[in-house]
């Protein structure tokens, strides 16, 4: 099952980033994106002391 990334998803991620911290192991926000052939996990965290956001993407490079 999959769904598109909508306004509610964007708002959820934006709120989570506000309280995230890239220097803390548990300070990252994880968001799974399920597609037709693969699943990708995106981890986001605000850079401590800055306005930047760090991003880590995990998933298979080829369809499963």
PDB file of N, CA and C in Angstrom:
ATOM      1  N   UNK A   1       0.841  -1.177   0.000  1.00  0.00           N
ATOM      2  CA  UNK A   1       0.000   0.000   0.000  1.00  0.00           C
ATOM      3  C   UNK A   1       0.885   1.238   0.000  1.00  0.00           C
ATOM      4  N   UNK A   2       0.521   2.216  -0.747  1.00  0.00           N
ATOM      5  CA  UNK A   2       1.283   3.451  -0.780  1.00  0.00           C
ATOM      6  C   UNK A   2       0.328   4.629  -0.908  1.00  0.00           C
ATOM      7  N   UNK A   3       0.833   5.784  -0.589  1.00  0.00           N
ATOM      8  CA  UNK A   3       0.057   6.998  -0.764  1.00  0.00           C
ATOM      9  C   UNK A   3       1.001   8.135  -1.113  1.00  0.00           C
ATOM     10  N   UNK A   4       0.446   9.183  -1.651  1.00  0.00           N
ATOM     11  CA  UNK A   4       1.257  10.340  -1.996  1.00  0.00           C
ATOM     12  C   UNK A   4       1.616  11.149  -0.759  1.00  0.00           C
ATOM     13  N   UNK A   5       2.627  11.946  -0.888  1.00  0.00           N
ATOM     14  CA  UNK A   5       3.060  12.848   0.176  1.00  0.00           C
ATOM     15  C   UNK A   5       2.187  14.089   0.069  1.00  0.00           C
ATOM     16  N   UNK A   6       1.307  14.304   1.068  1.00  0.00           N
ATOM     17  CA  UNK A   6       0.365  15.414   0.977  1.00  0.00           C
ATOM     18  C   UNK A   6       0.683  16.518   1.988  1.00  0.00           C
ATOM     19  N   UNK A   7      -0.204  17.479   2.079  1.00  0.00           N
ATOM     20  CA  UNK A   7      -0.004  18.636   2.969  1.00  0.00           C
ATOM     21  C   UNK A   7       0.143  18.199   4.418  1.00  0.00           C
ATOM     22  N   UNK A   8      -0.658  17.247   4.854  1.00  0.00           N
ATOM     23  CA  UNK A   8      -0.578  16.762   6.235  1.00  0.00           C
ATOM     24  C   UNK A   8       0.792  16.146   6.512  1.00  0.00           C
ATOM     25  N   UNK A   9       1.312  15.367   5.566  1.00  0.00           N
ATOM     26  CA  UNK A   9       2.645  14.784   5.724  1.00  0.00           C
ATOM     27  C   UNK A   9       3.687  15.891   5.842  1.00  0.00           C
ATOM     28  N   UNK A  10       3.596  16.893   5.001  1.00  0.00           N
ATOM     29  CA  UNK A  10       4.541  18.008   5.043  1.00  0.00           C
ATOM     30  C   UNK A  10       4.508  18.743   6.365  1.00  0.00           C
ATOM     31  N   UNK A  11       3.311  18.966   6.896  1.00  0.00           N
ATOM     32  CA  UNK A  11       3.170  19.637   8.190  1.00  0.00           C
ATOM     33  C   UNK A  11       3.760  18.800   9.313  1.00  0.00           C
ATOM     34  N   UNK A  12       3.535  17.500   9.267  1.00  0.00           N
ATOM     35  CA  UNK A  12       4.081  16.589  10.280  1.00  0.00           C
ATOM     36  C   UNK A  12       5.602  16.628  10.283  1.00  0.00           C
ATOM     37  N   UNK A  13       6.198  16.552   9.116  1.00  0.00           N
ATOM     38  CA  UNK A  13       7.656  16.590   8.994  1.00  0.00           C
ATOM     39  C   UNK A  13       8.197  17.940   9.467  1.00  0.00           C
ATOM     40  N   UNK A  14       7.560  19.021   9.076  1.00  0.00           N
ATOM     41  CA  UNK A  14       8.012  20.357   9.483  1.00  0.00           C
ATOM     42  C   UNK A  14       8.001  20.516  10.998  1.00  0.00           C
ATOM     43  N   UNK A  15       6.947  20.044  11.644  1.00  0.00           N
ATOM     44  CA  UNK A  15       6.868  20.125  13.109  1.00  0.00           C
ATOM     45  C   UNK A  15       7.938  19.255  13.773  1.00  0.00           C
ATOM     46  N   UNK A  16       8.173  18.081  13.221  1.00  0.00           N
ATOM     47  CA  UNK A  16       9.181  17.176  13.779  1.00  0.00           C
ATOM     48  C   UNK A  16      10.582  17.763  13.654  1.00  0.00           C
ATOM     49  N   UNK A  17      10.871  18.423  12.550  1.00  0.00           N
ATOM     50  CA  UNK A  17      12.194  19.022  12.349  1.00  0.00           C
ATOM     51  C   UNK A  17      12.460  20.112  13.376  1.00  0.00           C
ATOM     52  N   UNK A  18      11.433  20.861  13.750  1.00  0.00           N
ATOM     53  CA  UNK A  18      11.603  21.951  14.714  1.00  0.00           C
ATOM     54  C   UNK A  18      12.178  21.471  16.038  1.00  0.00           C
ATOM     55  N   UNK A  19      11.846  20.258  16.456  1.00  0.00           N
ATOM     56  CA  UNK A  19      12.313  19.751  17.750  1.00  0.00           C
ATOM     57  C   UNK A  19      13.424  18.713  17.595  1.00  0.00           C
ATOM     58  N   UNK A  20      13.943  18.542  16.393  1.00  0.00           N
ATOM     59  CA  UNK A  20      15.005  17.566  16.155  1.00  0.00           C
ATOM     60  C   UNK A  20      16.372  18.169  16.472  1.00  0.00           C
ATOM     61  N   UNK A  21      17.382  17.289  16.569  1.00  0.00           N
ATOM     62  CA  UNK A  21      18.746  17.724  16.893  1.00  0.00           C
ATOM     63  C   UNK A  21      19.711  16.697  16.319  1.00  0.00           C
ATOM     64  N   UNK A  22      20.549  17.111  15.381  1.00  0.00           N
ATOM     65  CA  UNK A  22      21.449  16.166  14.700  1.00  0.00           C
ATOM     66  C   UNK A  22      22.578  15.661  15.588  1.00  0.00           C
ATOM     67  N   UNK A  23      22.778  16.272  16.743  1.00  0.00           N
ATOM     68  CA  UNK A  23      23.848  15.834  17.648  1.00  0.00           C
ATOM     69  C   UNK A  23      23.367  14.788  18.652  1.00  0.00           C
ATOM     70  N   UNK A  24      22.097  14.487  18.642  1.00  0.00           N
ATOM     71  CA  UNK A  24      21.528  13.494  19.555  1.00  0.00           C
ATOM     72  C   UNK A  24      21.121  12.246  18.770  1.00  0.00           C
ATOM     73  N   UNK A  25      21.501  11.084  19.271  1.00  0.00           N
ATOM     74  CA  UNK A  25      21.152   9.835  18.584  1.00  0.00           C
ATOM     75  C   UNK A  25      19.642   9.675  18.431  1.00  0.00           C
ATOM     76  N   UNK A  26      18.891  10.098  19.431  1.00  0.00           N
ATOM     77  CA  UNK A  26      17.435   9.985  19.359  1.00  0.00           C
ATOM     78  C   UNK A  26      16.780  11.304  18.936  1.00  0.00           C
ATOM     79  N   UNK A  27      17.573  12.225  18.412  1.00  0.00           N
ATOM     80  CA  UNK A  27      17.063  13.521  18.011  1.00  0.00           C
ATOM     81  C   UNK A  27      16.662  13.615  16.555  1.00  0.00           C
ATOM     82  N   UNK A  28      16.724  12.505  15.845  1.00  0.00           N
ATOM     83  CA  UNK A  28      16.388  12.478  14.421  1.00  0.00           C
ATOM     84  C   UNK A  28      14.929  12.068  14.233  1.00  0.00           C
ATOM     85  N   UNK A  29      14.290  12.611  13.203  1.00  0.00           N
ATOM     86  CA  UNK A  29      12.932  12.230  12.844  1.00  0.00           C
ATOM     87  C   UNK A  29      13.019  11.277  11.652  1.00  0.00           C
ATOM     88  N   UNK A  30      12.358  10.151  11.773  1.00  0.00           N
ATOM     89  CA  UNK A  30      12.374   9.144  10.715  1.00  0.00           C
ATOM     90  C   UNK A  30      11.005   9.106  10.047  1.00  0.00           C
ATOM     91  N   UNK A  31      11.007   9.103   8.694  1.00  0.00           N
ATOM     92  CA  UNK A  31       9.764   9.092   7.937  1.00  0.00           C
ATOM     93  C   UNK A  31       9.877   8.067   6.811  1.00  0.00           C
ATOM     94  N   UNK A  32       9.080   6.987   6.880  1.00  0.00           N
ATOM     95  CA  UNK A  32       9.131   5.986   5.798  1.00  0.00           C
ATOM     96  C   UNK A  32       8.301   6.430   4.602  1.00  0.00           C
ATOM     97  N   UNK A  33       8.822   6.212   3.420  1.00  0.00           N
ATOM     98  CA  UNK A  33       8.080   6.468   2.190  1.00  0.00           C
ATOM     99  C   UNK A  33       7.896   5.131   1.478  1.00  0.00           C
ATOM    100  N   UNK A  34       6.674   4.666   1.425  1.00  0.00           N
ATOM    101  CA  UNK A  34       6.398   3.390   0.780  1.00  0.00           C
ATOM    102  C   UNK A  34       5.936   3.639  -0.647  1.00  0.00           C
ATOM    103  N   UNK A  35       6.553   2.938  -1.567  1.00  0.00           N
ATOM    104  CA  UNK A  35       6.180   3.051  -2.968  1.00  0.00           C
ATOM    105  C   UNK A  35       5.706   1.725  -3.498  1.00  0.00           C
ATOM    106  N   UNK A  36       5.440   1.684  -4.774  1.00  0.00           N
ATOM    107  CA  UNK A  36       4.934   0.469  -5.395  1.00  0.00           C
ATOM    108  C   UNK A  36       5.964  -0.664  -5.355  1.00  0.00           C
ATOM    109  N   UNK A  37       7.249  -0.338  -5.563  1.00  0.00           N
ATOM    110  CA  UNK A  37       8.265  -1.375  -5.651  1.00  0.00           C
ATOM    111  C   UNK A  37       9.316  -1.330  -4.558  1.00  0.00           C
ATOM    112  N   UNK A  38       9.352  -0.278  -3.792  1.00  0.00           N
ATOM    113  CA  UNK A  38      10.407  -0.172  -2.780  1.00  0.00           C
ATOM    114  C   UNK A  38       9.964   0.742  -1.658  1.00  0.00           C
ATOM    115  N   UNK A  39      10.692   0.640  -0.577  1.00  0.00           N
ATOM    116  CA  UNK A  39      10.442   1.525   0.552  1.00  0.00           C
ATOM    117  C   UNK A  39      11.728   2.267   0.872  1.00  0.00           C
ATOM    118  N   UNK A  40      11.594   3.528   1.150  1.00  0.00           N
ATOM    119  CA  UNK A  40      12.725   4.376   1.476  1.00  0.00           C
ATOM    120  C   UNK A  40      12.454   4.996   2.828  1.00  0.00           C
ATOM    121  N   UNK A  41      13.479   5.058   3.666  1.00  0.00           N
ATOM    122  CA  UNK A  41      13.359   5.737   4.944  1.00  0.00           C
ATOM    123  C   UNK A  41      14.161   7.024   4.873  1.00  0.00           C
ATOM    124  N   UNK A  42      13.531   8.105   5.257  1.00  0.00           N
ATOM    125  CA  UNK A  42      14.201   9.395   5.298  1.00  0.00           C
ATOM    126  C   UNK A  42      14.335   9.801   6.748  1.00  0.00           C
ATOM    127  N   UNK A  43      15.561  10.159   7.147  1.00  0.00           N
ATOM    128  CA  UNK A  43      15.812  10.643   8.498  1.00  0.00           C
ATOM    129  C   UNK A  43      16.259  12.095   8.390  1.00  0.00           C
ATOM    130  N   UNK A  44      15.637  12.944   9.205  1.00  0.00           N
ATOM    131  CA  UNK A  44      15.896  14.374   9.164  1.00  0.00           C
ATOM    132  C   UNK A  44      16.230  14.876  10.562  1.00  0.00           C
ATOM    133  N   UNK A  45      17.126  15.832  10.632  1.00  0.00           N
ATOM    134  CA  UNK A  45      17.419  16.483  11.902  1.00  0.00           C
ATOM    135  C   UNK A  45      17.968  17.870  11.638  1.00  0.00           C
ATOM    136  N   UNK A  46      17.572  18.767  12.469  1.00  0.00           N
ATOM    137  CA  UNK A  46      18.060  20.140  12.385  1.00  0.00           C
ATOM    138  C   UNK A  46      19.495  20.181  12.893  1.00  0.00           C
ATOM    139  N   UNK A  47      20.357  20.907  12.211  1.00  0.00           N
ATOM    140  CA  UNK A  47      21.746  21.054  12.637  1.00  0.00           C
ATOM    141  C   UNK A  47      21.763  21.903  13.899  1.00  0.00           C
ATOM    142  N   UNK A  48      22.420  21.394  14.931  1.00  0.00           N
ATOM    143  CA  UNK A  48      22.490  22.106  16.210  1.00  0.00           C
ATOM    144  C   UNK A  48      23.103  23.488  15.999  1.00  0.00           C
ATOM    145  N   UNK A  49      22.400  24.512  16.485  1.00  0.00           N
ATOM    146  CA  UNK A  49      22.905  25.869  16.382  1.00  0.00           C
ATOM    147  C   UNK A  49      22.760  26.510  15.015  1.00  0.00           C
ATOM    148  N   UNK A  50      22.027  25.882  14.119  1.00  0.00           N
ATOM    149  CA  UNK A  50      21.899  26.433  12.764  1.00  0.00           C
ATOM    150  C   UNK A  50      20.491  26.314  12.232  1.00  0.00           C
ATOM    151  N   UNK A  51      20.322  26.743  11.004  1.00  0.00           N
ATOM    152  CA  UNK A  51      19.030  26.659  10.335  1.00  0.00           C
ATOM    153  C   UNK A  51      18.992  25.540   9.300  1.00  0.00           C
ATOM    154  N   UNK A  52      20.113  24.838   9.130  1.00  0.00           N
ATOM    155  CA  UNK A  52      20.193  23.771   8.138  1.00  0.00           C
ATOM    156  C   UNK A  52      19.542  22.499   8.673  1.00  0.00           C
ATOM    157  N   UNK A  53      19.198  21.606   7.738  1.00  0.00           N
ATOM    158  CA  UNK A  53      18.642  20.303   8.075  1.00  0.00           C
ATOM    159  C   UNK A  53      19.522  19.239   7.433  1.00  0.00           C
ATOM    160  N   UNK A  54      19.927  18.244   8.234  1.00  0.00           N
ATOM    161  CA  UNK A  54      20.672  17.106   7.704  1.00  0.00           C
ATOM    162  C   UNK A  54      19.679  16.051   7.267  1.00  0.00           C
ATOM    163  N   UNK A  55      20.030  15.317   6.236  1.00  0.00           N
ATOM    164  CA  UNK A  55      19.141  14.335   5.644  1.00  0.00           C
ATOM    165  C   UNK A  55      19.901  13.051   5.384  1.00  0.00           C
ATOM    166  N   UNK A  56      19.328  11.943   5.791  1.00  0.00           N
ATOM    167  CA  UNK A  56      19.868  10.618   5.494  1.00  0.00           C
ATOM    168  C   UNK A  56      18.762   9.829   4.796  1.00  0.00           C
ATOM    169  N   UNK A  57      19.075   9.232   3.664  1.00  0.00           N
ATOM    170  CA  UNK A  57      18.096   8.433   2.923  1.00  0.00           C
ATOM    171  C   UNK A  57      18.602   7.000   2.902  1.00  0.00           C
ATOM    172  N   UNK A  58      17.734   6.067   3.307  1.00  0.00           N
ATOM    173  CA  UNK A  58      18.070   4.640   3.309  1.00  0.00           C
ATOM    174  C   UNK A  58      17.054   3.903   2.453  1.00  0.00           C
ATOM    175  N   UNK A  59      17.544   2.997   1.633  1.00  0.00           N
ATOM    176  CA  UNK A  59      16.658   2.186   0.814  1.00  0.00           C
ATOM    177  C   UNK A  59      17.444   1.448  -0.245  1.00  0.00           C
ATOM    178  N   UNK A  60      16.791   0.507  -0.870  1.00  0.00           N
ATOM    179  CA  UNK A  60      17.421  -0.282  -1.922  1.00  0.00           C
ATOM    180  C   UNK A  60      17.618   0.573  -3.171  1.00  0.00           C
ATOM    181  N   UNK A  61      18.732   0.359  -3.851  1.00  0.00           N
ATOM    182  CA  UNK A  61      18.994   1.067  -5.095  1.00  0.00           C
ATOM    183  C   UNK A  61      18.246   0.483  -6.280  1.00  0.00           C
ATOM    184  N   UNK A  62      17.841  -0.763  -6.148  1.00  0.00           N
ATOM    185  CA  UNK A  62      17.100  -1.422  -7.219  1.00  0.00           C
ATOM    186  C   UNK A  62      15.745  -1.884  -6.693  1.00  0.00           C
ATOM    187  N   UNK A  63      14.754  -2.002  -7.556  1.00  0.00           N
ATOM    188  CA  UNK A  63      13.440  -2.473  -7.109  1.00  0.00           C
ATOM    189  C   UNK A  63      13.526  -3.867  -6.524  1.00  0.00           C
ATOM    190  N   UNK A  64      12.700  -4.122  -5.519  1.00  0.00           N
ATOM    191  CA  UNK A  64      12.709  -5.458  -4.892  1.00  0.00           C
ATOM    192  C   UNK A  64      11.774  -6.392  -5.611  1.00  0.00           C
TER     193      UNK A  64
END
